[in-house]
């Protein structure tokens, strides 16, 4: 199992579909995961340090976990089946709850816990970006610095 760092989210064109990009903390593999626009907004808000006037769903979940006296210890991306990623929230007492990776990452960022990916998931979906493409990753980071959460809202919002 590898610890992962959140590089960020980006809207992939022309599909207008957000992608969450994770990178191994002690490695060179990247893990791209297609996510929903609501979760992309939640991740982007937290990365930018934006505090909404009222708690969003992931903020509420963080507060509920604390109010119940539980502690989220880590998030694990556990499986990839037919193009769908699976994750679990790991709480104190080895309590595990199945969750989507996008929700799990949004919560992990708010709580400040590590994100891990199973080696089997990284072997199947992980990408190694050659040195000549590293500038693309830097452009991605620059994009993240310039994007606002409203950019992730769909046309129906």
C-alpha atoms as a PDB file:
ATOM      1  CA  UNK A   1       0.000   0.000   0.000  1.00  0.00           C
ATOM      2  CA  UNK A   2       1.297   3.445  -0.944  1.00  0.00           C
ATOM      3  CA  UNK A   3       0.591   6.783   0.660  1.00  0.00           C
ATOM      4  CA  UNK A   4      -0.809   9.260  -1.849  1.00  0.00           C
ATOM      5  CA  UNK A   5      -0.783  13.053  -2.046  1.00  0.00           C
ATOM      6  CA  UNK A   6      -3.528  15.093  -3.684  1.00  0.00           C
ATOM      7  CA  UNK A   7      -2.137  16.985  -6.669  1.00  0.00           C
ATOM      8  CA  UNK A   8      -5.578  18.483  -7.283  1.00  0.00           C
ATOM      9  CA  UNK A   9      -8.645  18.418  -9.465  1.00  0.00           C
ATOM     10  CA  UNK A  10      -9.098  19.614 -12.983  1.00  0.00           C
ATOM     11  CA  UNK A  11     -11.896  19.663 -15.533  1.00  0.00           C
ATOM     12  CA  UNK A  12     -11.037  17.511 -18.524  1.00  0.00           C
ATOM     13  CA  UNK A  13     -12.280  18.869 -21.828  1.00  0.00           C
ATOM     14  CA  UNK A  14     -14.234  18.287 -24.033  1.00  0.00           C
ATOM     15  CA  UNK A  15     -16.196  15.976 -21.699  1.00  0.00           C
ATOM     16  CA  UNK A  16     -16.244  18.669 -18.982  1.00  0.00           C
ATOM     17  CA  UNK A  17     -15.574  15.885 -16.461  1.00  0.00           C
ATOM     18  CA  UNK A  18     -13.514  16.571 -13.310  1.00  0.00           C
ATOM     19  CA  UNK A  19     -10.460  14.410 -12.607  1.00  0.00           C
ATOM     20  CA  UNK A  20      -8.855  13.934  -9.216  1.00  0.00           C
ATOM     21  CA  UNK A  21      -5.097  13.447  -9.538  1.00  0.00           C
ATOM     22  CA  UNK A  22      -3.165  11.707  -6.761  1.00  0.00           C
ATOM     23  CA  UNK A  23       0.572  11.009  -6.651  1.00  0.00           C
ATOM     24  CA  UNK A  24       2.577   8.546  -4.616  1.00  0.00           C
ATOM     25  CA  UNK A  25       4.279  10.289  -1.700  1.00  0.00           C
ATOM     26  CA  UNK A  26       7.341   8.056  -2.023  1.00  0.00           C
ATOM     27  CA  UNK A  27       7.121   7.050  -5.665  1.00  0.00           C
ATOM     28  CA  UNK A  28       6.551   8.268  -9.160  1.00  0.00           C
ATOM     29  CA  UNK A  29       3.113   6.904 -10.018  1.00  0.00           C
ATOM     30  CA  UNK A  30       0.074   9.129 -10.477  1.00  0.00           C
ATOM     31  CA  UNK A  31      -3.495   7.921 -10.020  1.00  0.00           C
ATOM     32  CA  UNK A  32      -6.174   9.776 -12.021  1.00  0.00           C
ATOM     33  CA  UNK A  33      -9.769   9.234 -10.884  1.00  0.00           C
ATOM     34  CA  UNK A  34     -12.822  10.645 -12.670  1.00  0.00           C
ATOM     35  CA  UNK A  35     -15.102  12.275 -10.089  1.00  0.00           C
ATOM     36  CA  UNK A  36     -18.316  14.277  -9.895  1.00  0.00           C
ATOM     37  CA  UNK A  37     -18.447  18.063 -10.010  1.00  0.00           C
ATOM     38  CA  UNK A  38     -19.802  18.375  -6.445  1.00  0.00           C
ATOM     39  CA  UNK A  39     -16.889  16.379  -5.030  1.00  0.00           C
ATOM     40  CA  UNK A  40     -14.424  18.275  -7.239  1.00  0.00           C
ATOM     41  CA  UNK A  41     -15.767  21.522  -5.801  1.00  0.00           C
ATOM     42  CA  UNK A  42     -15.466  20.180  -2.243  1.00  0.00           C
ATOM     43  CA  UNK A  43     -11.841  19.170  -2.819  1.00  0.00           C
ATOM     44  CA  UNK A  44     -10.962  22.457  -4.543  1.00  0.00           C
ATOM     45  CA  UNK A  45     -12.563  24.516  -1.770  1.00  0.00           C
ATOM     46  CA  UNK A  46     -10.553  22.709   0.883  1.00  0.00           C
ATOM     47  CA  UNK A  47      -7.291  22.957  -1.059  1.00  0.00           C
ATOM     48  CA  UNK A  48      -7.834  26.688  -1.515  1.00  0.00           C
ATOM     49  CA  UNK A  49      -8.686  27.154   2.161  1.00  0.00           C
ATOM     50  CA  UNK A  50     -12.157  28.514   1.391  1.00  0.00           C
ATOM     51  CA  UNK A  51     -14.503  28.289   4.383  1.00  0.00           C
ATOM     52  CA  UNK A  52     -18.183  28.465   3.381  1.00  0.00           C
ATOM     53  CA  UNK A  53     -20.594  30.285   5.685  1.00  0.00           C
ATOM     54  CA  UNK A  54     -22.435  27.018   6.351  1.00  0.00           C
ATOM     55  CA  UNK A  55     -20.838  23.562   6.447  1.00  0.00           C
ATOM     56  CA  UNK A  56     -20.897  21.585   3.234  1.00  0.00           C
ATOM     57  CA  UNK A  57     -21.586  17.844   3.296  1.00  0.00           C
ATOM     58  CA  UNK A  58     -17.968  16.832   3.932  1.00  0.00           C
ATOM     59  CA  UNK A  59     -17.601  19.471   6.648  1.00  0.00           C
ATOM     60  CA  UNK A  60     -20.792  18.165   8.247  1.00  0.00           C
ATOM     61  CA  UNK A  61     -19.515  14.585   8.129  1.00  0.00           C
ATOM     62  CA  UNK A  62     -16.271  15.683   9.797  1.00  0.00           C
ATOM     63  CA  UNK A  63     -18.286  17.379  12.553  1.00  0.00           C
ATOM     64  CA  UNK A  64     -20.547  14.331  13.023  1.00  0.00           C
ATOM     65  CA  UNK A  65     -17.542  12.010  13.340  1.00  0.00           C
ATOM     66  CA  UNK A  66     -16.086  14.255  16.034  1.00  0.00           C
ATOM     67  CA  UNK A  67     -19.416  14.656  17.843  1.00  0.00           C
ATOM     68  CA  UNK A  68     -19.746  10.862  18.018  1.00  0.00           C
ATOM     69  CA  UNK A  69     -16.294  10.606  19.574  1.00  0.00           C
ATOM     70  CA  UNK A  70     -14.774   8.712  16.662  1.00  0.00           C
ATOM     71  CA  UNK A  71     -11.519   9.344  14.860  1.00  0.00           C
ATOM     72  CA  UNK A  72     -10.900   8.875  11.156  1.00  0.00           C
ATOM     73  CA  UNK A  73      -7.414   7.366  10.902  1.00  0.00           C
ATOM     74  CA  UNK A  74      -6.947   7.006   7.163  1.00  0.00           C
ATOM     75  CA  UNK A  75      -8.577   6.656   3.779  1.00  0.00           C
ATOM     76  CA  UNK A  76      -7.812   3.694   1.532  1.00  0.00           C
ATOM     77  CA  UNK A  77      -8.444   3.333  -2.177  1.00  0.00           C
ATOM     78  CA  UNK A  78      -8.998  -0.394  -2.154  1.00  0.00           C
ATOM     79  CA  UNK A  79     -10.158  -1.639  -5.515  1.00  0.00           C
ATOM     80  CA  UNK A  80     -10.877  -0.944  -9.162  1.00  0.00           C
ATOM     81  CA  UNK A  81     -13.657  -2.961 -10.801  1.00  0.00           C
ATOM     82  CA  UNK A  82     -14.914  -2.345 -14.325  1.00  0.00           C
ATOM     83  CA  UNK A  83     -13.571   1.215 -14.293  1.00  0.00           C
ATOM     84  CA  UNK A  84     -15.034   2.106 -10.889  1.00  0.00           C
ATOM     85  CA  UNK A  85     -12.749   2.882  -7.954  1.00  0.00           C
ATOM     86  CA  UNK A  86     -13.671   1.805  -4.427  1.00  0.00           C
ATOM     87  CA  UNK A  87     -12.457   3.233  -1.137  1.00  0.00           C
ATOM     88  CA  UNK A  88     -12.994   2.849   2.558  1.00  0.00           C
ATOM     89  CA  UNK A  89     -12.826   5.107   5.563  1.00  0.00           C
ATOM     90  CA  UNK A  90     -10.785   3.523   8.369  1.00  0.00           C
ATOM     91  CA  UNK A  91     -11.785   4.666  11.857  1.00  0.00           C
ATOM     92  CA  UNK A  92     -10.330   4.005  15.287  1.00  0.00           C
ATOM     93  CA  UNK A  93     -11.117   0.500  16.510  1.00  0.00           C
ATOM     94  CA  UNK A  94     -10.560  -0.760  12.928  1.00  0.00           C
ATOM     95  CA  UNK A  95     -14.082   0.249  11.915  1.00  0.00           C
ATOM     96  CA  UNK A  96     -14.299   0.435   8.134  1.00  0.00           C
ATOM     97  CA  UNK A  97     -16.931   2.110   6.006  1.00  0.00           C
ATOM     98  CA  UNK A  98     -17.170   1.752   2.234  1.00  0.00           C
ATOM     99  CA  UNK A  99     -17.093   5.084   0.390  1.00  0.00           C
ATOM    100  CA  UNK A 100     -16.378   6.646  -2.961  1.00  0.00           C
ATOM    101  CA  UNK A 101     -12.768   7.801  -3.394  1.00  0.00           C
ATOM    102  CA  UNK A 102     -13.893  11.353  -4.158  1.00  0.00           C
ATOM    103  CA  UNK A 103     -15.857  11.663  -0.902  1.00  0.00           C
ATOM    104  CA  UNK A 104     -13.061   9.914   0.980  1.00  0.00           C
ATOM    105  CA  UNK A 105     -10.419  12.324  -0.303  1.00  0.00           C
ATOM    106  CA  UNK A 106     -12.610  15.379   0.408  1.00  0.00           C
ATOM    107  CA  UNK A 107     -13.047  14.140   3.986  1.00  0.00           C
ATOM    108  CA  UNK A 108      -9.367  13.160   4.401  1.00  0.00           C
ATOM    109  CA  UNK A 109      -8.282  16.688   3.405  1.00  0.00           C
ATOM    110  CA  UNK A 110     -10.610  18.203   6.000  1.00  0.00           C
ATOM    111  CA  UNK A 111      -9.553  15.853   8.789  1.00  0.00           C
ATOM    112  CA  UNK A 112      -5.859  15.766   7.852  1.00  0.00           C
ATOM    113  CA  UNK A 113      -5.446  12.001   7.603  1.00  0.00           C
ATOM    114  CA  UNK A 114      -3.340  10.030   5.126  1.00  0.00           C
ATOM    115  CA  UNK A 115      -4.684   8.675   1.863  1.00  0.00           C
ATOM    116  CA  UNK A 116      -3.428   5.254   0.766  1.00  0.00           C
ATOM    117  CA  UNK A 117      -3.902   3.215  -2.405  1.00  0.00           C
ATOM    118  CA  UNK A 118      -3.588  -0.548  -2.639  1.00  0.00           C
ATOM    119  CA  UNK A 119      -0.692  -1.709  -4.785  1.00  0.00           C
ATOM    120  CA  UNK A 120      -3.095  -3.663  -7.013  1.00  0.00           C
ATOM    121  CA  UNK A 121      -4.971  -0.426  -7.821  1.00  0.00           C
ATOM    122  CA  UNK A 122      -1.732   1.404  -8.603  1.00  0.00           C
ATOM    123  CA  UNK A 123      -0.525  -1.476 -10.767  1.00  0.00           C
ATOM    124  CA  UNK A 124      -3.742  -1.401 -12.772  1.00  0.00           C
ATOM    125  CA  UNK A 125      -4.449   2.327 -13.031  1.00  0.00           C
ATOM    126  CA  UNK A 126      -1.278   4.117 -11.933  1.00  0.00           C
ATOM    127  CA  UNK A 127       0.602   6.156 -14.485  1.00  0.00           C
ATOM    128  CA  UNK A 128       4.272   7.066 -14.614  1.00  0.00           C
ATOM    129  CA  UNK A 129       4.700  10.431 -16.244  1.00  0.00           C
ATOM    130  CA  UNK A 130       8.005  10.673 -18.114  1.00  0.00           C
ATOM    131  CA  UNK A 131      10.317  13.582 -17.330  1.00  0.00           C
ATOM    132  CA  UNK A 132       9.377  15.378 -20.537  1.00  0.00           C
ATOM    133  CA  UNK A 133       5.749  15.380 -19.348  1.00  0.00           C
ATOM    134  CA  UNK A 134       6.585  16.749 -15.887  1.00  0.00           C
ATOM    135  CA  UNK A 135       5.979  20.238 -17.260  1.00  0.00           C
ATOM    136  CA  UNK A 136       2.396  19.124 -17.922  1.00  0.00           C
ATOM    137  CA  UNK A 137       2.050  18.322 -14.230  1.00  0.00           C
ATOM    138  CA  UNK A 138       3.454  21.771 -13.421  1.00  0.00           C
ATOM    139  CA  UNK A 139       0.904  23.301 -15.809  1.00  0.00           C
ATOM    140  CA  UNK A 140      -1.756  21.293 -13.977  1.00  0.00           C
ATOM    141  CA  UNK A 141      -0.597  22.778 -10.661  1.00  0.00           C
ATOM    142  CA  UNK A 142      -0.661  26.273 -12.184  1.00  0.00           C
ATOM    143  CA  UNK A 143      -4.178  25.576 -13.425  1.00  0.00           C
ATOM    144  CA  UNK A 144      -5.195  24.595  -9.894  1.00  0.00           C
ATOM    145  CA  UNK A 145      -3.851  27.879  -8.583  1.00  0.00           C
ATOM    146  CA  UNK A 146      -5.975  29.823 -11.059  1.00  0.00           C
ATOM    147  CA  UNK A 147      -9.234  27.844 -10.939  1.00  0.00           C
ATOM    148  CA  UNK A 148     -12.169  28.750  -8.720  1.00  0.00           C
ATOM    149  CA  UNK A 149     -14.727  26.339  -7.228  1.00  0.00           C
ATOM    150  CA  UNK A 150     -17.412  27.845  -9.493  1.00  0.00           C
ATOM    151  CA  UNK A 151     -15.533  26.402 -12.467  1.00  0.00           C
ATOM    152  CA  UNK A 152     -16.668  22.932 -11.343  1.00  0.00           C
ATOM    153  CA  UNK A 153     -20.354  23.717 -11.266  1.00  0.00           C
ATOM    154  CA  UNK A 154     -22.284  22.117 -14.105  1.00  0.00           C
ATOM    155  CA  UNK A 155     -24.573  23.938 -16.483  1.00  0.00           C
ATOM    156  CA  UNK A 156     -27.585  22.678 -14.507  1.00  0.00           C
ATOM    157  CA  UNK A 157     -26.425  24.293 -11.234  1.00  0.00           C
END
